[in-house]
C-alpha atoms as a PDB file:
ATOM      1  CA  MET A   1     132.640  24.027 358.895  1.00  0.00           C
ATOM      2  CA  ASN A   2     135.478  24.675 356.471  1.00  0.00           C
ATOM      3  CA  PRO A   3     133.954  26.270 353.347  1.00  0.00           C
ATOM      4  CA  LEU A   4     136.595  24.553 351.222  1.00  0.00           C
ATOM      5  CA  ASN A   5     135.076  21.217 352.223  1.00  0.00           C
ATOM      6  CA  SER A   6     131.445  22.221 351.739  1.00  0.00           C
ATOM      7  CA  GLN A   7     129.264  20.332 349.287  1.00  0.00           C
ATOM      8  CA  GLN A   8     129.199  23.128 346.750  1.00  0.00           C
ATOM      9  CA  ASN A   9     132.988  22.990 346.486  1.00  0.00           C
ATOM     10  CA  GLN A  10     133.151  19.243 345.871  1.00  0.00           C
ATOM     11  CA  ARG A  11     133.860  18.250 342.273  1.00  0.00           C
ATOM     12  CA  SER A  12     132.656  15.374 340.129  1.00  0.00           C
ATOM     13  CA  ALA A  13     135.067  13.400 337.950  1.00  0.00           C
ATOM     14  CA  ASN A  14     134.293  15.732 335.030  1.00  0.00           C
ATOM     15  CA  GLY A  15     135.241  18.800 337.094  1.00  0.00           C
ATOM     16  CA  ALA A  16     131.731  20.155 337.589  1.00  0.00           C
ATOM     17  CA  PRO A  17     130.302  20.775 341.086  1.00  0.00           C
ATOM     18  CA  SER A  18     128.992  17.472 342.437  1.00  0.00           C
ATOM     19  CA  ASN A  19     125.768  18.963 343.823  1.00  0.00           C
ATOM     20  CA  LEU A  20     124.466  19.724 340.300  1.00  0.00           C
ATOM     21  CA  THR A  21     122.197  17.380 338.369  1.00  0.00           C
ATOM     22  CA  PRO A  22     123.658  15.675 335.252  1.00  0.00           C
ATOM     23  CA  SER A  23     121.951  18.187 332.945  1.00  0.00           C
ATOM     24  CA  GLN A  24     123.174  21.098 335.065  1.00  0.00           C
ATOM     25  CA  GLN A  25     126.696  19.665 335.041  1.00  0.00           C
ATOM     26  CA  ALA A  26     126.577  19.420 331.241  1.00  0.00           C
ATOM     27  CA  GLN A  27     125.556  23.090 331.003  1.00  0.00           C
ATOM     28  CA  TRP A  28     128.207  24.088 333.561  1.00  0.00           C
ATOM     29  CA  LEU A  29     130.910  22.378 331.490  1.00  0.00           C
ATOM     30  CA  LYS A  30     129.605  23.988 328.289  1.00  0.00           C
ATOM     31  CA  ASN A  31     129.705  27.435 329.871  1.00  0.00           C
ATOM     32  CA  ALA A  32     133.164  26.829 331.337  1.00  0.00           C
ATOM     33  CA  ALA A  33     134.510  25.726 327.948  1.00  0.00           C
ATOM     34  CA  TYR A  34     133.089  28.846 326.296  1.00  0.00           C
ATOM     35  CA  TRP A  35     134.620  31.285 328.756  1.00  0.00           C
ATOM     36  CA  GLU A  36     137.923  29.398 328.729  1.00  0.00           C
ATOM     37  CA  ALA A  37     138.050  29.787 324.944  1.00  0.00           C
ATOM     38  CA  GLU A  38     137.124  33.482 325.214  1.00  0.00           C
ATOM     39  CA  ARG A  39     139.748  34.121 327.887  1.00  0.00           C
ATOM     40  CA  PHE A  40     142.512  32.542 325.845  1.00  0.00           C
ATOM     41  CA  ARG A  41     141.348  34.040 322.527  1.00  0.00           C
ATOM     42  CA  LYS A  42     141.673  37.542 323.925  1.00  0.00           C
ATOM     43  CA  TYR A  43     144.962  36.907 325.721  1.00  0.00           C
ATOM     44  CA  ARG A  44     148.081  37.942 323.828  1.00  0.00           C
ATOM     45  CA  GLY A  45     150.710  37.572 326.494  1.00  0.00           C
ATOM     46  CA  GLY A  46     151.027  41.240 327.393  1.00  0.00           C
ATOM     47  CA  GLU A  47     148.935  41.573 330.529  1.00  0.00           C
ATOM     48  CA  CYS A  48     150.608  43.015 333.599  1.00  0.00           C
ATOM     49  CA  PRO A  49     150.855  40.702 336.622  1.00  0.00           C
ATOM     50  CA  PRO A  50     148.612  41.648 339.535  1.00  0.00           C
ATOM     51  CA  VAL A  51     151.531  41.543 341.981  1.00  0.00           C
ATOM     52  CA  VAL A  52     155.202  42.462 341.607  1.00  0.00           C
ATOM     53  CA  PHE A  53     157.393  41.372 344.507  1.00  0.00           C
ATOM     54  CA  ASN A  54     160.462  43.443 345.254  1.00  0.00           C
ATOM     55  CA  PHE A  55     163.549  41.781 343.800  1.00  0.00           C
ATOM     56  CA  ALA A  56     165.787  42.449 346.765  1.00  0.00           C
ATOM     57  CA  PRO A  57     167.802  39.527 348.185  1.00  0.00           C
ATOM     58  CA  PRO A  58     168.140  37.783 350.514  1.00  0.00           C
ATOM     59  CA  PHE A  59     164.895  35.938 349.844  1.00  0.00           C
ATOM     60  CA  LEU A  60     162.757  33.696 352.005  1.00  0.00           C
ATOM     61  CA  PHE A  61     160.332  31.594 349.944  1.00  0.00           C
ATOM     62  CA  ASP A  62     157.480  30.562 352.224  1.00  0.00           C
ATOM     63  CA  CYS A  63     156.356  27.269 350.646  1.00  0.00           C
ATOM     64  CA  ARG A  64     154.218  26.040 353.549  1.00  0.00           C
ATOM     65  CA  LEU A  65     151.461  24.945 351.188  1.00  0.00           C
ATOM     66  CA  ASN A  66     147.909  25.687 352.231  1.00  0.00           C
ATOM     67  CA  CYS A  67     145.623  25.455 349.215  1.00  0.00           C
ATOM     68  CA  SER A  68     142.417  23.610 348.407  1.00  0.00           C
ATOM     69  CA  ARG A  69     143.747  22.655 344.980  1.00  0.00           C
ATOM     70  CA  ARG A  70     146.232  19.798 345.253  1.00  0.00           C
ATOM     71  CA  MET A  71     149.892  20.649 344.764  1.00  0.00           C
ATOM     72  CA  GLY A  72     151.325  17.424 343.401  1.00  0.00           C
ATOM     73  CA  ILE A  73     154.979  16.414 343.337  1.00  0.00           C
ATOM     74  CA  GLY A  74     155.388  17.736 339.799  1.00  0.00           C
ATOM     75  CA  ASP A  75     153.948  21.102 340.854  1.00  0.00           C
ATOM     76  CA  GLN A  76     156.329  21.316 343.796  1.00  0.00           C
ATOM     77  CA  LEU A  77     159.328  20.343 341.664  1.00  0.00           C
ATOM     78  CA  CYS A  78     158.355  23.084 339.208  1.00  0.00           C
ATOM     79  CA  LEU A  79     158.272  25.597 342.061  1.00  0.00           C
ATOM     80  CA  LEU A  80     161.655  24.391 343.317  1.00  0.00           C
ATOM     81  CA  SER A  81     163.115  24.752 339.815  1.00  0.00           C
ATOM     82  CA  ALA A  82     162.013  28.394 339.688  1.00  0.00           C
ATOM     83  CA  ILE A  83     163.541  29.060 343.115  1.00  0.00           C
ATOM     84  CA  GLN A  84     166.807  27.465 341.986  1.00  0.00           C
ATOM     85  CA  VAL A  85     166.885  29.797 338.982  1.00  0.00           C
ATOM     86  CA  VAL A  86     166.615  32.727 341.394  1.00  0.00           C
ATOM     87  CA  SER A  87     169.400  31.282 343.557  1.00  0.00           C
ATOM     88  CA  ASP A  88     171.638  31.001 340.488  1.00  0.00           C
ATOM     89  CA  ARG A  89     171.170  34.737 339.975  1.00  0.00           C
ATOM     90  CA  VAL A  90     171.613  35.980 343.543  1.00  0.00           C
ATOM     91  CA  GLY A  91     173.693  33.198 345.121  1.00  0.00           C
ATOM     92  CA  ARG A  92     172.418  30.224 347.087  1.00  0.00           C
ATOM     93  CA  GLU A  93     173.458  31.893 350.334  1.00  0.00           C
ATOM     94  CA  ASN A  94     170.771  34.509 349.643  1.00  0.00           C
ATOM     95  CA  VAL A  95     167.890  32.031 349.347  1.00  0.00           C
ATOM     96  CA  GLN A  96     166.119  29.950 351.947  1.00  0.00           C
ATOM     97  CA  ILE A  97     162.897  27.947 351.858  1.00  0.00           C
ATOM     98  CA  TRP A  98     160.286  27.232 354.488  1.00  0.00           C
ATOM     99  CA  TYR A  99     158.067  24.203 353.929  1.00  0.00           C
ATOM    100  CA  ASP A 100     155.473  22.206 355.836  1.00  0.00           C
ATOM    101  CA  SER A 101     156.723  18.653 356.357  1.00  0.00           C
ATOM    102  CA  ALA A 102     153.126  17.501 356.871  1.00  0.00           C
ATOM    103  CA  TYR A 103     152.223  18.408 353.283  1.00  0.00           C
ATOM    104  CA  PRO A 104     152.669  15.332 351.032  1.00  0.00           C
ATOM    105  CA  GLY A 105     156.005  15.397 349.251  1.00  0.00           C
ATOM    106  CA  SER A 106     157.265  18.755 350.510  1.00  0.00           C
ATOM    107  CA  ALA A 107     160.004  17.447 352.802  1.00  0.00           C
ATOM    108  CA  ASP A 108     161.370  15.209 350.032  1.00  0.00           C
ATOM    109  CA  VAL A 109     161.140  17.851 347.300  1.00  0.00           C
ATOM    110  CA  PHE A 110     162.585  20.855 349.108  1.00  0.00           C
ATOM    111  CA  GLY A 111     164.978  18.696 351.087  1.00  0.00           C
ATOM    112  CA  MET A 112     166.669  17.635 347.833  1.00  0.00           C
ATOM    113  CA  GLY A 113     166.990  21.143 346.395  1.00  0.00           C
ATOM    114  CA  GLY A 114     170.518  21.927 347.585  1.00  0.00           C
ATOM    115  CA  LEU A 115     169.307  25.106 349.300  1.00  0.00           C
ATOM    116  CA  VAL A 116     168.746  26.024 352.937  1.00  0.00           C
ATOM    117  CA  ALA A 117     165.290  24.581 353.578  1.00  0.00           C
ATOM    118  CA  CYS A 118     163.446  23.702 356.772  1.00  0.00           C
ATOM    119  CA  ASP A 119     160.101  23.241 358.447  1.00  0.00           C
ATOM    120  CA  PRO A 120     160.023  26.203 360.848  1.00  0.00           C
ATOM    121  CA  GLY A 121     157.161  24.813 362.931  1.00  0.00           C
ATOM    122  CA  THR A 122     155.115  27.747 364.207  1.00  0.00           C
ATOM    123  CA  PRO A 123     157.475  30.718 364.010  1.00  0.00           C
ATOM    124  CA  ALA A 124     156.767  33.973 365.813  1.00  0.00           C
ATOM    125  CA  GLY A 125     157.388  35.808 362.562  1.00  0.00           C
ATOM    126  CA  TYR A 126     159.714  36.058 359.599  1.00  0.00           C
ATOM    127  CA  PRO A 127     163.402  36.727 360.172  1.00  0.00           C
ATOM    128  CA  SER A 128     164.319  40.367 359.666  1.00  0.00           C
ATOM    129  CA  GLY A 129     166.237  41.474 356.625  1.00  0.00           C
ATOM    130  CA  HIS A 130     164.610  39.075 354.152  1.00  0.00           C
ATOM    131  CA  THR A 131     162.267  39.721 351.252  1.00  0.00           C
ATOM    132  CA  VAL A 132     159.485  37.194 351.811  1.00  0.00           C
ATOM    133  CA  ILE A 133     157.939  35.581 348.729  1.00  0.00           C
ATOM    134  CA  PRO A 134     154.662  33.881 349.731  1.00  0.00           C
ATOM    135  CA  CYS A 135     154.206  30.540 347.944  1.00  0.00           C
ATOM    136  CA  GLN A 136     151.510  28.924 350.097  1.00  0.00           C
ATOM    137  CA  GLY A 137     148.919  28.905 347.309  1.00  0.00           C
ATOM    138  CA  HIS A 138     148.904  26.766 344.193  1.00  0.00           C
ATOM    139  CA  ILE A 139     151.622  27.854 341.767  1.00  0.00           C
ATOM    140  CA  MET A 140     149.155  27.966 338.890  1.00  0.00           C
ATOM    141  CA  ALA A 141     146.689  30.159 340.776  1.00  0.00           C
ATOM    142  CA  GLY A 142     147.159  33.903 340.795  1.00  0.00           C
ATOM    143  CA  PRO A 143     148.781  35.499 343.864  1.00  0.00           C
ATOM    144  CA  ILE A 144     145.576  37.408 344.681  1.00  0.00           C
ATOM    145  CA  GLY A 145     143.379  34.330 344.789  1.00  0.00           C
ATOM    146  CA  ASP A 146     142.515  33.808 341.109  1.00  0.00           C
ATOM    147  CA  THR A 147     141.945  30.055 340.727  1.00  0.00           C
ATOM    148  CA  LEU A 148     141.574  30.031 336.935  1.00  0.00           C
ATOM    149  CA  PRO A 149     144.192  28.257 334.792  1.00  0.00           C
ATOM    150  CA  ALA A 150     147.366  30.174 334.062  1.00  0.00           C
ATOM    151  CA  PRO A 151     147.033  32.297 330.904  1.00  0.00           C
ATOM    152  CA  TYR A 152     150.619  33.571 330.778  1.00  0.00           C
ATOM    153  CA  GLY A 153     152.129  30.109 331.245  1.00  0.00           C
ATOM    154  CA  GLU A 154     149.687  28.616 328.748  1.00  0.00           C
ATOM    155  CA  TYR A 155     150.560  31.319 326.221  1.00  0.00           C
ATOM    156  CA  GLN A 156     154.279  30.696 326.778  1.00  0.00           C
ATOM    157  CA  GLY A 157     153.869  26.908 326.878  1.00  0.00           C
ATOM    158  CA  ASN A 158     155.955  26.716 330.036  1.00  0.00           C
ATOM    159  CA  PRO A 159     154.744  26.426 333.666  1.00  0.00           C
ATOM    160  CA  ILE A 160     157.897  27.998 335.128  1.00  0.00           C
ATOM    161  CA  ARG A 161     157.171  31.124 333.115  1.00  0.00           C
ATOM    162  CA  GLN A 162     153.840  31.321 334.979  1.00  0.00           C
ATOM    163  CA  VAL A 163     155.601  31.073 338.355  1.00  0.00           C
ATOM    164  CA  PHE A 164     157.810  34.037 337.488  1.00  0.00           C
ATOM    165  CA  TYR A 165     154.778  35.925 336.174  1.00  0.00           C
ATOM    166  CA  ASN A 166     152.969  35.389 339.471  1.00  0.00           C
ATOM    167  CA  TRP A 167     155.942  36.940 341.255  1.00  0.00           C
ATOM    168  CA  GLY A 168     156.132  39.793 338.718  1.00  0.00           C
ATOM    169  CA  TRP A 169     159.600  38.635 337.639  1.00  0.00           C
ATOM    170  CA  HIS A 170     158.838  37.295 334.154  1.00  0.00           C
ATOM    171  CA  GLY A 171     160.818  40.190 332.662  1.00  0.00           C
ATOM    172  CA  LEU A 172     163.869  39.373 334.801  1.00  0.00           C
ATOM    173  CA  PHE A 173     164.074  35.689 333.905  1.00  0.00           C
ATOM    174  CA  GLY A 174     163.614  34.964 330.216  1.00  0.00           C
ATOM    175  CA  GLY A 175     164.123  31.894 328.071  1.00  0.00           C
ATOM    176  CA  GLN A 176     162.322  28.579 327.853  1.00  0.00           C
ATOM    177  CA  SER A 177     164.963  26.132 329.169  1.00  0.00           C
ATOM    178  CA  ILE A 178     164.077  24.159 332.279  1.00  0.00           C
ATOM    179  CA  THR A 179     166.729  23.104 334.770  1.00  0.00           C
ATOM    180  CA  LEU A 180     166.302  21.233 338.025  1.00  0.00           C
ATOM    181  CA  ARG A 181     168.855  19.900 340.480  1.00  0.00           C
ATOM    182  CA  LEU A 182     168.007  17.247 343.062  1.00  0.00           C
ATOM    183  CA  TYR A 183     170.415  15.755 345.586  1.00  0.00           C
ATOM    184  CA  PRO A 184     169.197  12.591 347.387  1.00  0.00           C
ATOM    185  CA  ASP A 185     170.750  12.157 350.815  1.00  0.00           C
ATOM    186  CA  GLY A 186     173.167   9.403 351.760  1.00  0.00           C
ATOM    187  CA  GLY A 187     170.448   7.155 353.160  1.00  0.00           C
ATOM    188  CA  ALA A 188     168.446   7.303 349.935  1.00  0.00           C
ATOM    189  CA  LEU A 189     171.567   6.603 347.886  1.00  0.00           C
ATOM    190  CA  ARG A 190     172.420   3.539 349.949  1.00  0.00           C
ATOM    191  CA  GLN A 191     168.846   2.233 349.706  1.00  0.00           C
ATOM    192  CA  ALA A 192     168.871   2.659 345.934  1.00  0.00           C
ATOM    193  CA  GLN A 193     172.199   0.901 345.603  1.00  0.00           C
ATOM    194  CA  LYS A 194     170.903  -1.992 347.712  1.00  0.00           C
ATOM    195  CA  ILE A 195     167.817  -2.326 345.491  1.00  0.00           C
ATOM    196  CA  ALA A 196     169.977  -2.189 342.366  1.00  0.00           C
ATOM    197  CA  SER A 197     172.221  -4.983 343.674  1.00  0.00           C
ATOM    198  CA  GLU A 198     169.197  -7.169 344.423  1.00  0.00           C
ATOM    199  CA  TYR A 199     167.725  -6.947 340.929  1.00  0.00           C
ATOM    200  CA  GLY A 200     170.826  -6.857 338.772  1.00  0.00           C
ATOM    201  CA  ARG A 201     169.777  -5.605 335.337  1.00  0.00           C
ATOM    202  CA  PHE A 202     166.732  -3.333 335.634  1.00  0.00           C
ATOM    203  CA  ILE A 203     165.032  -0.249 334.251  1.00  0.00           C
ATOM    204  CA  THR A 204     162.750   2.198 336.051  1.00  0.00           C
ATOM    205  CA  CYS A 205     159.216   3.165 335.054  1.00  0.00           C
ATOM    206  CA  THR A 206     156.497   5.500 336.406  1.00  0.00           C
ATOM    207  CA  PRO A 207     153.380   5.135 334.235  1.00  0.00           C
ATOM    208  CA  LEU A 208     150.600   6.078 336.650  1.00  0.00           C
ATOM    209  CA  GLU A 209     149.165   9.568 336.102  1.00  0.00           C
ATOM    210  CA  VAL A 210     146.514  10.735 338.550  1.00  0.00           C
ATOM    211  CA  SER A 211     146.280  14.465 337.829  1.00  0.00           C
ATOM    212  CA  ARG A 212     146.764  15.364 334.166  1.00  0.00           C
ATOM    213  CA  HIS A 213     144.284  12.758 332.889  1.00  0.00           C
ATOM    214  CA  ASN A 214     146.164  11.808 329.732  1.00  0.00           C
ATOM    215  CA  ASN A 215     143.774   8.912 329.379  1.00  0.00           C
ATOM    216  CA  ASN A 216     145.155   7.557 326.113  1.00  0.00           C
ATOM    217  CA  CYS A 217     148.411   6.634 327.890  1.00  0.00           C
ATOM    218  CA  ASP A 218     146.710   3.452 329.006  1.00  0.00           C
ATOM    219  CA  ALA A 219     147.994  -0.066 329.660  1.00  0.00           C
ATOM    220  CA  SER A 220     148.040  -0.997 325.966  1.00  0.00           C
ATOM    221  CA  ALA A 221     150.155   2.067 325.116  1.00  0.00           C
ATOM    222  CA  TRP A 222     152.570   1.126 327.882  1.00  0.00           C
ATOM    223  CA  HIS A 223     152.696  -2.486 326.700  1.00  0.00           C
ATOM    224  CA  ASN A 224     153.765  -1.276 323.259  1.00  0.00           C
ATOM    225  CA  LEU A 225     156.414   1.053 324.670  1.00  0.00           C
ATOM    226  CA  LEU A 226     157.910  -1.395 327.187  1.00  0.00           C
ATOM    227  CA  ALA A 227     158.098  -4.123 324.568  1.00  0.00           C
ATOM    228  CA  ARG A 228     161.416  -2.538 323.551  1.00  0.00           C
ATOM    229  CA  VAL A 229     162.952  -3.328 326.954  1.00  0.00           C
ATOM    230  CA  ASP A 230     165.364  -6.286 327.025  1.00  0.00           C
ATOM    231  CA  ILE A 231     163.474  -9.318 328.327  1.00  0.00           C
ATOM    232  CA  SER A 232     166.322 -10.073 330.742  1.00  0.00           C
ATOM    233  CA  ALA A 233     165.796  -6.764 332.563  1.00  0.00           C
ATOM    234  CA  THR A 234     163.437  -6.401 335.518  1.00  0.00           C
ATOM    235  CA  ILE A 235     161.070  -3.453 335.192  1.00  0.00           C
ATOM    236  CA  LEU A 236     160.882  -1.601 338.499  1.00  0.00           C
ATOM    237  CA  PHE A 237     157.722   0.494 338.732  1.00  0.00           C
ATOM    238  CA  GLY A 238     157.605   3.417 341.133  1.00  0.00           C
ATOM    239  CA  CYS A 239     154.687   5.068 342.906  1.00  0.00           C
ATOM    240  CA  ALA A 240     153.540   6.448 346.234  1.00  0.00           C
ATOM    241  CA  PRO A 241     152.536   3.848 348.855  1.00  0.00           C
ATOM    242  CA  ALA A 242     148.846   4.762 348.548  1.00  0.00           C
ATOM    243  CA  GLU A 243     148.933   4.095 344.794  1.00  0.00           C
ATOM    244  CA  ARG A 244     150.366   0.568 344.890  1.00  0.00           C
ATOM    245  CA  ASP A 245     147.065  -1.231 344.285  1.00  0.00           C
ATOM    246  CA  GLN A 246     146.121   1.035 341.394  1.00  0.00           C
ATOM    247  CA  LEU A 247     149.557   0.616 339.828  1.00  0.00           C
ATOM    248  CA  ALA A 248     149.501  -3.165 340.336  1.00  0.00           C
ATOM    249  CA  GLY A 249     146.232  -3.329 338.416  1.00  0.00           C
ATOM    250  CA  MET A 250     147.680  -1.261 335.594  1.00  0.00           C
ATOM    251  CA  ILE A 251     150.778  -3.469 335.397  1.00  0.00           C
ATOM    252  CA  GLY A 252     148.582  -6.560 335.205  1.00  0.00           C
ATOM    253  CA  ASP A 253     146.719  -5.032 332.268  1.00  0.00           C
ATOM    254  CA  MET A 254     150.007  -4.445 330.428  1.00  0.00           C
ATOM    255  CA  HIS A 255     150.581  -8.222 330.032  1.00  0.00           C
ATOM    256  CA  LEU A 256     154.349  -7.865 330.017  1.00  0.00           C
ATOM    257  CA  PRO A 257     156.686 -10.858 329.637  1.00  0.00           C
ATOM    258  CA  HIS A 258     159.250  -9.196 331.903  1.00  0.00           C
ATOM    259  CA  LYS A 259     159.790  -9.652 335.609  1.00  0.00           C
ATOM    260  CA  THR A 260     158.315  -6.663 337.420  1.00  0.00           C
ATOM    261  CA  ASP A 261     158.195  -5.208 340.910  1.00  0.00           C
ATOM    262  CA  ILE A 262     156.841  -2.089 342.583  1.00  0.00           C
ATOM    263  CA  ILE A 263     159.067   0.249 344.597  1.00  0.00           C
ATOM    264  CA  SER A 264     157.416   2.779 346.912  1.00  0.00           C
ATOM    265  CA  GLY A 265     160.165   3.707 349.329  1.00  0.00           C
ATOM    266  CA  GLY A 266     160.075   7.477 348.994  1.00  0.00           C
ATOM    267  CA  LEU A 267     160.861  10.152 346.447  1.00  0.00           C
ATOM    268  CA  ALA A 268     164.561  10.578 347.240  1.00  0.00           C
ATOM    269  CA  GLN A 269     165.153   6.838 347.035  1.00  0.00           C
ATOM    270  CA  TRP A 270     163.340   6.661 343.687  1.00  0.00           C
ATOM    271  CA  LYS A 271     165.337   9.604 342.307  1.00  0.00           C
ATOM    272  CA  ALA A 272     168.564   7.851 343.294  1.00  0.00           C
ATOM    273  CA  LEU A 273     167.334   4.639 341.661  1.00  0.00           C
ATOM    274  CA  VAL A 274     166.509   6.464 338.415  1.00  0.00           C
ATOM    275  CA  ASP A 275     170.050   7.864 338.393  1.00  0.00           C
ATOM    276  CA  ILE A 276     171.482   4.341 338.619  1.00  0.00           C
ATOM    277  CA  ALA A 277     169.215   2.831 335.962  1.00  0.00           C
ATOM    278  CA  PRO A 278     170.467   2.578 332.367  1.00  0.00           C
ATOM    279  CA  GLU A 279     167.017   3.648 331.097  1.00  0.00           C
ATOM    280  CA  ASN A 280     163.993   5.349 332.579  1.00  0.00           C
ATOM    281  CA  TYR A 281     160.393   5.396 331.315  1.00  0.00           C
ATOM    282  CA  THR A 282     157.697   7.779 332.509  1.00  0.00           C
ATOM    283  CA  GLY A 283     154.320   9.170 331.598  1.00  0.00           C
ATOM    284  CA  ASN A 284     153.439  11.258 334.619  1.00  0.00           C
ATOM    285  CA  SER A 285     154.269  14.736 335.828  1.00  0.00           C
ATOM    286  CA  CYS A 286     156.354  13.663 338.820  1.00  0.00           C
ATOM    287  CA  GLY A 287     158.414  11.232 336.753  1.00  0.00           C
ATOM    288  CA  MET A 288     158.996  13.828 334.054  1.00  0.00           C
ATOM    289  CA  TRP A 289     160.288  16.452 336.489  1.00  0.00           C
ATOM    290  CA  LEU A 290     162.505  13.928 338.268  1.00  0.00           C
ATOM    291  CA  ALA A 291     163.955  13.054 334.863  1.00  0.00           C
ATOM    292  CA  PHE A 292     164.813  16.714 334.276  1.00  0.00           C
ATOM    293  CA  ALA A 293     167.182  16.427 337.249  1.00  0.00           C
ATOM    294  CA  SER A 294     168.822  13.215 335.982  1.00  0.00           C
ATOM    295  CA  ARG A 295     171.227  12.231 333.229  1.00  0.00           C
ATOM    296  CA  THR A 296     169.540   8.876 332.692  1.00  0.00           C
ATOM    297  CA  PRO A 297     168.032   8.546 329.191  1.00  0.00           C
ATOM    298  CA  THR A 298     164.287   8.868 329.729  1.00  0.00           C
ATOM    299  CA  TYR A 299     161.523   7.813 327.363  1.00  0.00           C
ATOM    300  CA  LEU A 300     158.572  10.123 327.986  1.00  0.00           C
ATOM    301  CA  LEU A 301     155.196   8.820 326.848  1.00  0.00           C
ATOM    302  CA  GLN A 302     152.957  11.797 326.220  1.00  0.00           C
ATOM    303  CA  HIS A 303     149.425  12.180 324.955  1.00  0.00           C
ATOM    304  CA  GLU A 304     148.930  15.446 323.074  1.00  0.00           C
ATOM    305  CA  THR A 305     145.661  17.265 323.789  1.00  0.00           C
ATOM    306  CA  PRO A 306     145.816  20.583 321.876  1.00  0.00           C
ATOM    307  CA  GLU A 307     142.301  21.557 322.903  1.00  0.00           C
ATOM    308  CA  HIS A 308     143.249  21.300 326.588  1.00  0.00           C
ATOM    309  CA  ARG A 309     145.538  24.314 326.912  1.00  0.00           C
ATOM    310  CA  HIS A 310     146.409  23.816 330.548  1.00  0.00           C
ATOM    311  CA  ASN A 311     147.515  20.217 330.035  1.00  0.00           C
ATOM    312  CA  THR A 312     149.410  21.285 326.936  1.00  0.00           C
ATOM    313  CA  MET A 313     151.346  23.851 328.973  1.00  0.00           C
ATOM    314  CA  TRP A 314     152.674  21.018 331.149  1.00  0.00           C
ATOM    315  CA  ASN A 315     153.512  18.755 328.205  1.00  0.00           C
ATOM    316  CA  TYR A 316     157.207  18.471 327.425  1.00  0.00           C
ATOM    317  CA  LYS A 317     158.551  20.558 324.539  1.00  0.00           C
ATOM    318  CA  MET A 318     161.919  20.478 322.810  1.00  0.00           C
ATOM    319  CA  LYS A 319     162.473  24.173 323.635  1.00  0.00           C
ATOM    320  CA  TRP A 320     162.748  23.175 327.288  1.00  0.00           C
ATOM    321  CA  ASN A 321     166.163  21.820 326.303  1.00  0.00           C
ATOM    322  CA  CYS A 322     166.380  18.703 328.493  1.00  0.00           C
ATOM    323  CA  LYS A 323     168.928  16.594 326.650  1.00  0.00           C
ATOM    324  CA  ASN A 324     168.139  13.215 328.219  1.00  0.00           C
ATOM    325  CA  ILE A 325     164.444  13.205 327.222  1.00  0.00           C
ATOM    326  CA  VAL A 326     163.219  11.078 324.305  1.00  0.00           C
ATOM    327  CA  LEU A 327     159.661  12.217 323.593  1.00  0.00           C
ATOM    328  CA  ILE A 328     157.158   9.627 322.399  1.00  0.00           C
ATOM    329  CA  LYS A 329     153.814  11.093 321.378  1.00  0.00           C
ATOM    330  CA  ILE A 330     150.639   9.069 321.086  1.00  0.00           C
END
């Protein structure tokens, strides 16, 4: 039996182990909150990283994800952004990426990065002459197996800073700006152009958030935001195929007067569609990171939760310097 799938590792909706009674779960959450506050209170941003990888190109970033904690599309785009920053320093010819095409989203994400990237299958070993940077674990977990939230990134207010810290390179790459480049392939571009021609005037929107739990960004908040959209425009909502029913229910609860439709044709196609749209609206991590790689004006609906430091780290900030983002706080 895989210990990662054992009962004691299963979580309830509140994050506590599911095999605990309600009273035990309440105490577990109370204890967790206390130690989280203690950990952050004592942290002042100066701790040394547990691992420092040799900064010696050429690099092979092994991103064949194998972690019990879900690496969502936003997480993977964050990782890709950090790798692109490294490639800008050493030259793209000195960077390559391995990924697992069976892991949800990886082929789309790393395939759009403009770098040499492939699924190597089951290689006999790493190619000689490369410095291998292992990225199979969750980017917000420590490189030696620490699964706690990311204190350095939380202190900095920037998840990419945590990625560099985990590699021991946070002193080599400073600043708070976030850049991301994504290049949909020709097939995705043609599909997006076909969709655009079918709908005429449209805007794109990704409201469904399944990981960061910004619960106040509900259907009523989206109704109020999308009320500004011209009534003649069709609102195209994007999501993964498995999320269509959940998104359809959310759209119904918005009670919009506009024509709407759901597009779930793949990440590269959606990125190309966002680039064509005159306006983009998002409230989820994936949509936010895709917007960082686009010039389309993007209205970002964001619920501020100062007491939740890990969520706050992921929340957009002006110091990230993404010029096309219009932040709307609720």
